[in-house]
Every structure is written in C-alpha cells, then in structure tokens.
Amino acid sequence: MSDAGEGLVDAEARLQEQMDEREQERRRRAAGGGVKNPERERALASLRLARTQLEQQLRGNPHPVRRQQIELAIKDLEKRFESV
C-alpha cells in the first residue's frame, strides 16, 4: 500500500508543478513579455545579420569606392531599423 500512497503524492506534486508553471506563464504574459510580433522579430534578425555581414566586409576591404558603397548600405539598414 505504500507504493500507491507514494504514487498519489507524486501525482499531487506534478499537479502542483503544472499549476505553478501556468501561473508563472500567466504572470509573464500579463507583464507584457509574452506577446511579440514574430514577423517583426524575423525582420529585425535579418537586418542585424545583414549589418554584421556589411561591417565585416567594411573591415576587410581596402578599396575606397567599395568602402563608400558599404557605408551607404549600412546607413540604409539603420533607416530600415527605425521603420521596423
């Protein structure tokens, strides 16, 4: 009989853990941390990646005309960041 009693205690503990997790999730959503626009997040990640790649190209390129093109592209990306 002690095994059955332990199973009941384990089930109650799991139930309490689930309730606690749901309460934490509810609080997180109420705080505003849970609702994000996935399309906006994807666009921002894409812009960050593009900027990183352009900055790497800028560091490794000695040609002045290409450097100017890259700098203009970076400025354009910064404008896009503001609009997203």
PDB file of N, CA and C in Angstrom:
ATOM      1  N   MET A   1       0.797  -1.195   0.000  1.00  0.00           N
ATOM      2  CA  MET A   1       0.000   0.000   0.000  1.00  0.00           C
ATOM      3  C   MET A   1       0.844   1.265   0.000  1.00  0.00           C
ATOM      4  N   SER A   2       2.029   1.183   0.468  1.00  0.00           N
ATOM      5  CA  SER A   2       2.840   2.386   0.498  1.00  0.00           C
ATOM      6  C   SER A   2       3.183   2.862  -0.907  1.00  0.00           C
ATOM      7  N   ASP A   3       3.285   1.942  -1.865  1.00  0.00           N
ATOM      8  CA  ASP A   3       3.563   2.342  -3.243  1.00  0.00           C
ATOM      9  C   ASP A   3       2.414   3.160  -3.806  1.00  0.00           C
ATOM     10  N   ALA A   4       1.203   2.775  -3.542  1.00  0.00           N
ATOM     11  CA  ALA A   4       0.047   3.511  -4.037  1.00  0.00           C
ATOM     12  C   ALA A   4      -0.008   4.907  -3.417  1.00  0.00           C
ATOM     13  N   GLY A   5       0.330   4.988  -2.149  1.00  0.00           N
ATOM     14  CA  GLY A   5       0.344   6.289  -1.471  1.00  0.00           C
ATOM     15  C   GLY A   5       1.416   7.197  -2.036  1.00  0.00           C
ATOM     16  N   GLU A   6       2.572   6.631  -2.360  1.00  0.00           N
ATOM     17  CA  GLU A   6       3.647   7.424  -2.955  1.00  0.00           C
ATOM     18  C   GLU A   6       3.241   7.927  -4.342  1.00  0.00           C
ATOM     19  N   GLY A   7       2.544   7.077  -5.099  1.00  0.00           N
ATOM     20  CA  GLY A   7       2.081   7.486  -6.421  1.00  0.00           C
ATOM     21  C   GLY A   7       1.119   8.648  -6.339  1.00  0.00           C
ATOM     22  N   LEU A   8       0.256   8.628  -5.323  1.00  0.00           N
ATOM     23  CA  LEU A   8      -0.693   9.716  -5.139  1.00  0.00           C
ATOM     24  C   LEU A   8       0.037  11.009  -4.787  1.00  0.00           C
ATOM     25  N   VAL A   9       1.043  10.899  -3.931  1.00  0.00           N
ATOM     26  CA  VAL A   9       1.827  12.071  -3.550  1.00  0.00           C
ATOM     27  C   VAL A   9       2.569  12.616  -4.770  1.00  0.00           C
ATOM     28  N   ASP A  10       3.138  11.712  -5.596  1.00  0.00           N
ATOM     29  CA  ASP A  10       3.834  12.141  -6.805  1.00  0.00           C
ATOM     30  C   ASP A  10       2.881  12.831  -7.764  1.00  0.00           C
ATOM     31  N   ALA A  11       1.682  12.304  -7.916  1.00  0.00           N
ATOM     32  CA  ALA A  11       0.693  12.904  -8.809  1.00  0.00           C
ATOM     33  C   ALA A  11       0.301  14.289  -8.313  1.00  0.00           C
ATOM     34  N   GLU A  12       0.140  14.438  -7.012  1.00  0.00           N
ATOM     35  CA  GLU A  12      -0.199  15.744  -6.447  1.00  0.00           C
ATOM     36  C   GLU A  12       0.938  16.731  -6.659  1.00  0.00           C
ATOM     37  N   ALA A  13       2.164  16.257  -6.512  1.00  0.00           N
ATOM     38  CA  ALA A  13       3.326  17.130  -6.709  1.00  0.00           C
ATOM     39  C   ALA A  13       3.400  17.587  -8.172  1.00  0.00           C
ATOM     40  N   ARG A  14       3.174  16.667  -9.113  1.00  0.00           N
ATOM     41  CA  ARG A  14       3.183  17.036 -10.537  1.00  0.00           C
ATOM     42  C   ARG A  14       2.077  18.033 -10.844  1.00  0.00           C
ATOM     43  N   LEU A  15       0.913  17.815 -10.288  1.00  0.00           N
ATOM     44  CA  LEU A  15      -0.208  18.723 -10.499  1.00  0.00           C
ATOM     45  C   LEU A  15       0.137  20.117  -9.965  1.00  0.00           C
ATOM     46  N   GLN A  16       0.738  20.173  -8.798  1.00  0.00           N
ATOM     47  CA  GLN A  16       1.122  21.463  -8.219  1.00  0.00           C
ATOM     48  C   GLN A  16       2.172  22.155  -9.099  1.00  0.00           C
ATOM     49  N   GLU A  17       3.129  21.398  -9.628  1.00  0.00           N
ATOM     50  CA  GLU A  17       4.141  21.964 -10.512  1.00  0.00           C
ATOM     51  C   GLU A  17       3.502  22.545 -11.767  1.00  0.00           C
ATOM     52  N   GLN A  18       2.544  21.828 -12.338  1.00  0.00           N
ATOM     53  CA  GLN A  18       1.854  22.316 -13.526  1.00  0.00           C
ATOM     54  C   GLN A  18       1.089  23.590 -13.225  1.00  0.00           C
ATOM     55  N   MET A  19       0.450  23.622 -12.096  1.00  0.00           N
ATOM     56  CA  MET A  19      -0.297  24.823 -11.706  1.00  0.00           C
ATOM     57  C   MET A  19       0.658  26.005 -11.525  1.00  0.00           C
ATOM     58  N   ASP A  20       1.802  25.748 -10.897  1.00  0.00           N
ATOM     59  CA  ASP A  20       2.791  26.806 -10.704  1.00  0.00           C
ATOM     60  C   ASP A  20       3.325  27.319 -12.040  1.00  0.00           C
ATOM     61  N   GLU A  21       3.600  26.395 -12.969  1.00  0.00           N
ATOM     62  CA  GLU A  21       4.094  26.796 -14.287  1.00  0.00           C
ATOM     63  C   GLU A  21       3.066  27.643 -15.030  1.00  0.00           C
ATOM     64  N   ARG A  22       1.811  27.249 -14.960  1.00  0.00           N
ATOM     65  CA  ARG A  22       0.765  28.022 -15.617  1.00  0.00           C
ATOM     66  C   ARG A  22       0.622  29.410 -15.000  1.00  0.00           C
ATOM     67  N   GLU A  23       0.753  29.486 -13.696  1.00  0.00           N
ATOM     68  CA  GLU A  23       0.674  30.781 -13.020  1.00  0.00           C
ATOM     69  C   GLU A  23       1.841  31.670 -13.444  1.00  0.00           C
ATOM     70  N   GLN A  24       3.033  31.112 -13.543  1.00  0.00           N
ATOM     71  CA  GLN A  24       4.195  31.884 -13.977  1.00  0.00           C
ATOM     72  C   GLN A  24       4.006  32.372 -15.413  1.00  0.00           C
ATOM     73  N   GLU A  25       3.490  31.511 -16.264  1.00  0.00           N
ATOM     74  CA  GLU A  25       3.237  31.887 -17.652  1.00  0.00           C
ATOM     75  C   GLU A  25       2.199  33.001 -17.730  1.00  0.00           C
ATOM     76  N   ARG A  26       1.177  32.911 -16.923  1.00  0.00           N
ATOM     77  CA  ARG A  26       0.140  33.952 -16.900  1.00  0.00           C
ATOM     78  C   ARG A  26       0.733  35.289 -16.453  1.00  0.00           C
ATOM     79  N   ARG A  27       1.566  35.259 -15.434  1.00  0.00           N
ATOM     80  CA  ARG A  27       2.194  36.483 -14.937  1.00  0.00           C
ATOM     81  C   ARG A  27       3.132  37.083 -15.985  1.00  0.00           C
ATOM     82  N   ARG A  28       3.862  36.209 -16.677  1.00  0.00           N
ATOM     83  CA  ARG A  28       4.787  36.678 -17.705  1.00  0.00           C
ATOM     84  C   ARG A  28       4.015  37.369 -18.834  1.00  0.00           C
ATOM     85  N   ARG A  29       2.914  36.784 -19.236  1.00  0.00           N
ATOM     86  CA  ARG A  29       2.088  37.390 -20.282  1.00  0.00           C
ATOM     87  C   ARG A  29       1.484  38.705 -19.818  1.00  0.00           C
ATOM     88  N   ALA A  30       1.065  38.753 -18.566  1.00  0.00           N
ATOM     89  CA  ALA A  30       0.471  39.977 -18.033  1.00  0.00           C
ATOM     90  C   ALA A  30       1.509  41.096 -17.963  1.00  0.00           C
ATOM     91  N   ALA A  31       2.772  40.734 -17.770  1.00  0.00           N
ATOM     92  CA  ALA A  31       3.837  41.725 -17.702  1.00  0.00           C
ATOM     93  C   ALA A  31       4.219  42.237 -19.089  1.00  0.00           C
ATOM     94  N   GLY A  32       3.677  41.623 -20.142  1.00  0.00           N
ATOM     95  CA  GLY A  32       3.963  42.089 -21.497  1.00  0.00           C
ATOM     96  C   GLY A  32       5.127  41.369 -22.142  1.00  0.00           C
ATOM     97  N   GLY A  33       5.712  40.410 -21.504  1.00  0.00           N
ATOM     98  CA  GLY A  33       6.848  39.706 -22.067  1.00  0.00           C
ATOM     99  C   GLY A  33       6.479  38.588 -23.003  1.00  0.00           C
ATOM    100  N   GLY A  34       5.232  38.222 -23.082  1.00  0.00           N
ATOM    101  CA  GLY A  34       4.869  37.059 -23.860  1.00  0.00           C
ATOM    102  C   GLY A  34       4.354  37.352 -25.258  1.00  0.00           C
ATOM    103  N   VAL A  35       3.873  38.553 -25.493  1.00  0.00           N
ATOM    104  CA  VAL A  35       3.259  38.838 -26.778  1.00  0.00           C
ATOM    105  C   VAL A  35       4.252  39.618 -27.637  1.00  0.00           C
ATOM    106  N   LYS A  36       4.760  38.971 -28.684  1.00  0.00           N
ATOM    107  CA  LYS A  36       5.676  39.624 -29.603  1.00  0.00           C
ATOM    108  C   LYS A  36       5.209  39.343 -31.014  1.00  0.00           C
ATOM    109  N   ASN A  37       5.580  40.218 -31.888  1.00  0.00           N
ATOM    110  CA  ASN A  37       5.244  40.061 -33.288  1.00  0.00           C
ATOM    111  C   ASN A  37       6.345  39.224 -33.950  1.00  0.00           C
ATOM    112  N   PRO A  38       6.075  37.988 -34.327  1.00  0.00           N
ATOM    113  CA  PRO A  38       7.117  37.137 -34.900  1.00  0.00           C
ATOM    114  C   PRO A  38       7.649  37.666 -36.228  1.00  0.00           C
ATOM    115  N   GLU A  39       6.804  38.311 -37.000  1.00  0.00           N
ATOM    116  CA  GLU A  39       7.261  38.869 -38.282  1.00  0.00           C
ATOM    117  C   GLU A  39       8.256  40.003 -38.049  1.00  0.00           C
ATOM    118  N   ARG A  40       7.972  40.837 -37.058  1.00  0.00           N
ATOM    119  CA  ARG A  40       8.881  41.947 -36.718  1.00  0.00           C
ATOM    120  C   ARG A  40      10.202  41.406 -36.190  1.00  0.00           C
ATOM    121  N   GLU A  41      10.133  40.390 -35.346  1.00  0.00           N
ATOM    122  CA  GLU A  41      11.352  39.786 -34.802  1.00  0.00           C
ATOM    123  C   GLU A  41      12.210  39.182 -35.914  1.00  0.00           C
ATOM    124  N   ARG A  42      11.557  38.542 -36.902  1.00  0.00           N
ATOM    125  CA  ARG A  42      12.286  37.955 -38.008  1.00  0.00           C
ATOM    126  C   ARG A  42      12.959  39.044 -38.838  1.00  0.00           C
ATOM    127  N   ALA A  43      12.241  40.132 -39.092  1.00  0.00           N
ATOM    128  CA  ALA A  43      12.791  41.237 -39.873  1.00  0.00           C
ATOM    129  C   ALA A  43      13.986  41.869 -39.165  1.00  0.00           C
ATOM    130  N   LEU A  44      13.873  42.060 -37.853  1.00  0.00           N
ATOM    131  CA  LEU A  44      14.986  42.631 -37.086  1.00  0.00           C
ATOM    132  C   LEU A  44      16.206  41.719 -37.104  1.00  0.00           C
ATOM    133  N   ALA A  45      15.983  40.421 -36.971  1.00  0.00           N
ATOM    134  CA  ALA A  45      17.096  39.470 -37.003  1.00  0.00           C
ATOM    135  C   ALA A  45      17.782  39.507 -38.365  1.00  0.00           C
ATOM    136  N   SER A  46      16.999  39.600 -39.414  1.00  0.00           N
ATOM    137  CA  SER A  46      17.554  39.668 -40.760  1.00  0.00           C
ATOM    138  C   SER A  46      18.387  40.936 -40.945  1.00  0.00           C
ATOM    139  N   LEU A  47      17.880  42.066 -40.457  1.00  0.00           N
ATOM    140  CA  LEU A  47      18.625  43.317 -40.567  1.00  0.00           C
ATOM    141  C   LEU A  47      19.913  43.283 -39.755  1.00  0.00           C
ATOM    142  N   ARG A  48      19.865  42.673 -38.572  1.00  0.00           N
ATOM    143  CA  ARG A  48      21.084  42.548 -37.755  1.00  0.00           C
ATOM    144  C   ARG A  48      22.140  41.723 -38.477  1.00  0.00           C
ATOM    145  N   LEU A  49      21.707  40.630 -39.065  1.00  0.00           N
ATOM    146  CA  LEU A  49      22.633  39.769 -39.796  1.00  0.00           C
ATOM    147  C   LEU A  49      23.246  40.510 -40.981  1.00  0.00           C
ATOM    148  N   ALA A  50      22.432  41.238 -41.723  1.00  0.00           N
ATOM    149  CA  ALA A  50      22.938  41.996 -42.867  1.00  0.00           C
ATOM    150  C   ALA A  50      23.952  43.047 -42.422  1.00  0.00           C
ATOM    151  N   ARG A  51      23.655  43.734 -41.323  1.00  0.00           N
ATOM    152  CA  ARG A  51      24.580  44.749 -40.829  1.00  0.00           C
ATOM    153  C   ARG A  51      25.899  44.124 -40.394  1.00  0.00           C
ATOM    154  N   THR A  52      25.842  42.991 -39.733  1.00  0.00           N
ATOM    155  CA  THR A  52      27.061  42.299 -39.307  1.00  0.00           C
ATOM    156  C   THR A  52      27.915  41.911 -40.513  1.00  0.00           C
ATOM    157  N   GLN A  53      27.268  41.386 -41.539  1.00  0.00           N
ATOM    158  CA  GLN A  53      27.994  40.995 -42.742  1.00  0.00           C
ATOM    159  C   GLN A  53      28.625  42.205 -43.436  1.00  0.00           C
ATOM    160  N   LEU A  54      27.890  43.308 -43.514  1.00  0.00           N
ATOM    161  CA  LEU A  54      28.442  44.507 -44.139  1.00  0.00           C
ATOM    162  C   LEU A  54      29.610  45.080 -43.334  1.00  0.00           C
ATOM    163  N   GLU A  55      29.503  45.041 -42.010  1.00  0.00           N
ATOM    164  CA  GLU A  55      30.601  45.541 -41.178  1.00  0.00           C
ATOM    165  C   GLU A  55      31.861  44.695 -41.363  1.00  0.00           C
ATOM    166  N   GLN A  56      31.680  43.391 -41.520  1.00  0.00           N
ATOM    167  CA  GLN A  56      32.833  42.523 -41.780  1.00  0.00           C
ATOM    168  C   GLN A  56      33.461  42.850 -43.133  1.00  0.00           C
ATOM    169  N   GLN A  57      32.630  43.074 -44.137  1.00  0.00           N
ATOM    170  CA  GLN A  57      33.140  43.443 -45.457  1.00  0.00           C
ATOM    171  C   GLN A  57      33.882  44.770 -45.393  1.00  0.00           C
ATOM    172  N   LEU A  58      33.361  45.698 -44.618  1.00  0.00           N
ATOM    173  CA  LEU A  58      33.978  47.011 -44.495  1.00  0.00           C
ATOM    174  C   LEU A  58      35.372  46.910 -43.879  1.00  0.00           C
ATOM    175  N   ARG A  59      35.496  46.065 -42.869  1.00  0.00           N
ATOM    176  CA  ARG A  59      36.804  45.899 -42.224  1.00  0.00           C
ATOM    177  C   ARG A  59      37.835  45.266 -43.159  1.00  0.00           C
ATOM    178  N   GLY A  60      37.375  44.398 -44.040  1.00  0.00           N
ATOM    179  CA  GLY A  60      38.315  43.659 -44.868  1.00  0.00           C
ATOM    180  C   GLY A  60      38.525  44.231 -46.255  1.00  0.00           C
ATOM    181  N   ASN A  61      37.961  45.389 -46.557  1.00  0.00           N
ATOM    182  CA  ASN A  61      38.043  45.912 -47.911  1.00  0.00           C
ATOM    183  C   ASN A  61      38.833  47.217 -47.937  1.00  0.00           C
ATOM    184  N   PRO A  62      39.976  47.239 -48.622  1.00  0.00           N
ATOM    185  CA  PRO A  62      40.784  48.465 -48.675  1.00  0.00           C
ATOM    186  C   PRO A  62      40.361  49.436 -49.791  1.00  0.00           C
ATOM    187  N   HIS A  63      39.538  49.001 -50.739  1.00  0.00           N
ATOM    188  CA  HIS A  63      39.164  49.830 -51.883  1.00  0.00           C
ATOM    189  C   HIS A  63      38.203  50.939 -51.442  1.00  0.00           C
ATOM    190  N   PRO A  64      38.566  52.218 -51.677  1.00  0.00           N
ATOM    191  CA  PRO A  64      37.756  53.333 -51.157  1.00  0.00           C
ATOM    192  C   PRO A  64      36.339  53.410 -51.733  1.00  0.00           C
ATOM    193  N   VAL A  65      36.166  53.096 -53.007  1.00  0.00           N
ATOM    194  CA  VAL A  65      34.825  53.175 -53.592  1.00  0.00           C
ATOM    195  C   VAL A  65      33.922  52.103 -52.995  1.00  0.00           C
ATOM    196  N   ARG A  66      34.441  50.895 -52.835  1.00  0.00           N
ATOM    197  CA  ARG A  66      33.642  49.814 -52.236  1.00  0.00           C
ATOM    198  C   ARG A  66      33.326  50.120 -50.778  1.00  0.00           C
ATOM    199  N   ARG A  67      34.295  50.710 -50.077  1.00  0.00           N
ATOM    200  CA  ARG A  67      34.054  51.080 -48.678  1.00  0.00           C
ATOM    201  C   ARG A  67      32.906  52.093 -48.590  1.00  0.00           C
ATOM    202  N   GLN A  68      32.882  53.038 -49.515  1.00  0.00           N
ATOM    203  CA  GLN A  68      31.813  54.029 -49.528  1.00  0.00           C
ATOM    204  C   GLN A  68      30.465  53.359 -49.795  1.00  0.00           C
ATOM    205  N   GLN A  69      30.434  52.407 -50.722  1.00  0.00           N
ATOM    206  CA  GLN A  69      29.193  51.685 -51.012  1.00  0.00           C
ATOM    207  C   GLN A  69      28.695  50.938 -49.775  1.00  0.00           C
ATOM    208  N   ILE A  70      29.612  50.299 -49.071  1.00  0.00           N
ATOM    209  CA  ILE A  70      29.247  49.533 -47.881  1.00  0.00           C
ATOM    210  C   ILE A  70      28.728  50.468 -46.790  1.00  0.00           C
ATOM    211  N   GLU A  71      29.395  51.611 -46.619  1.00  0.00           N
ATOM    212  CA  GLU A  71      28.948  52.575 -45.609  1.00  0.00           C
ATOM    213  C   GLU A  71      27.534  53.089 -45.922  1.00  0.00           C
ATOM    214  N   LEU A  72      27.252  53.324 -47.201  1.00  0.00           N
ATOM    215  CA  LEU A  72      25.900  53.756 -47.588  1.00  0.00           C
ATOM    216  C   LEU A  72      24.875  52.649 -47.322  1.00  0.00           C
ATOM    217  N   ALA A  73      25.264  51.417 -47.565  1.00  0.00           N
ATOM    218  CA  ALA A  73      24.366  50.288 -47.303  1.00  0.00           C
ATOM    219  C   ALA A  73      24.081  50.169 -45.808  1.00  0.00           C
ATOM    220  N   ILE A  74      25.078  50.388 -44.980  1.00  0.00           N
ATOM    221  CA  ILE A  74      24.889  50.332 -43.526  1.00  0.00           C
ATOM    222  C   ILE A  74      23.938  51.442 -43.075  1.00  0.00           C
ATOM    223  N   LYS A  75      24.103  52.640 -43.642  1.00  0.00           N
ATOM    224  CA  LYS A  75      23.194  53.740 -43.301  1.00  0.00           C
ATOM    225  C   LYS A  75      21.760  53.410 -43.694  1.00  0.00           C
ATOM    226  N   ASP A  76      21.596  52.771 -44.860  1.00  0.00           N
ATOM    227  CA  ASP A  76      20.268  52.362 -45.299  1.00  0.00           C
ATOM    228  C   ASP A  76      19.661  51.343 -44.332  1.00  0.00           C
ATOM    229  N   LEU A  77      20.478  50.411 -43.863  1.00  0.00           N
ATOM    230  CA  LEU A  77      19.994  49.425 -42.896  1.00  0.00           C
ATOM    231  C   LEU A  77      19.548  50.084 -41.601  1.00  0.00           C
ATOM    232  N   GLU A  78      20.289  51.105 -41.166  1.00  0.00           N
ATOM    233  CA  GLU A  78      19.911  51.813 -39.936  1.00  0.00           C
ATOM    234  C   GLU A  78      18.556  52.503 -40.095  1.00  0.00           C
ATOM    235  N   LYS A  79      18.292  53.038 -41.289  1.00  0.00           N
ATOM    236  CA  LYS A  79      16.980  53.640 -41.544  1.00  0.00           C
ATOM    237  C   LYS A  79      15.888  52.589 -41.492  1.00  0.00           C
ATOM    238  N   ARG A  80      16.175  51.416 -42.024  1.00  0.00           N
ATOM    239  CA  ARG A  80      15.199  50.325 -42.005  1.00  0.00           C
ATOM    240  C   ARG A  80      14.917  49.865 -40.574  1.00  0.00           C
ATOM    241  N   PHE A  81      15.955  49.875 -39.716  1.00  0.00           N
ATOM    242  CA  PHE A  81      15.763  49.501 -38.311  1.00  0.00           C
ATOM    243  C   PHE A  81      14.724  50.428 -37.668  1.00  0.00           C
ATOM    244  N   GLU A  82      14.821  51.697 -37.982  1.00  0.00           N
ATOM    245  CA  GLU A  82      13.896  52.676 -37.394  1.00  0.00           C
ATOM    246  C   GLU A  82      12.459  52.461 -37.853  1.00  0.00           C
ATOM    247  N   SER A  83      12.298  51.970 -39.089  1.00  0.00           N
ATOM    248  CA  SER A  83      10.945  51.813 -39.619  1.00  0.00           C
ATOM    249  C   SER A  83      10.296  50.493 -39.227  1.00  0.00           C
ATOM    250  N   VAL A  84      11.094  49.550 -38.731  1.00  0.00           N
ATOM    251  CA  VAL A  84      10.524  48.235 -38.360  1.00  0.00           C
ATOM    252  C   VAL A  84       9.935  48.299 -36.986  1.00  0.00           C
TER     253      VAL A  84
END
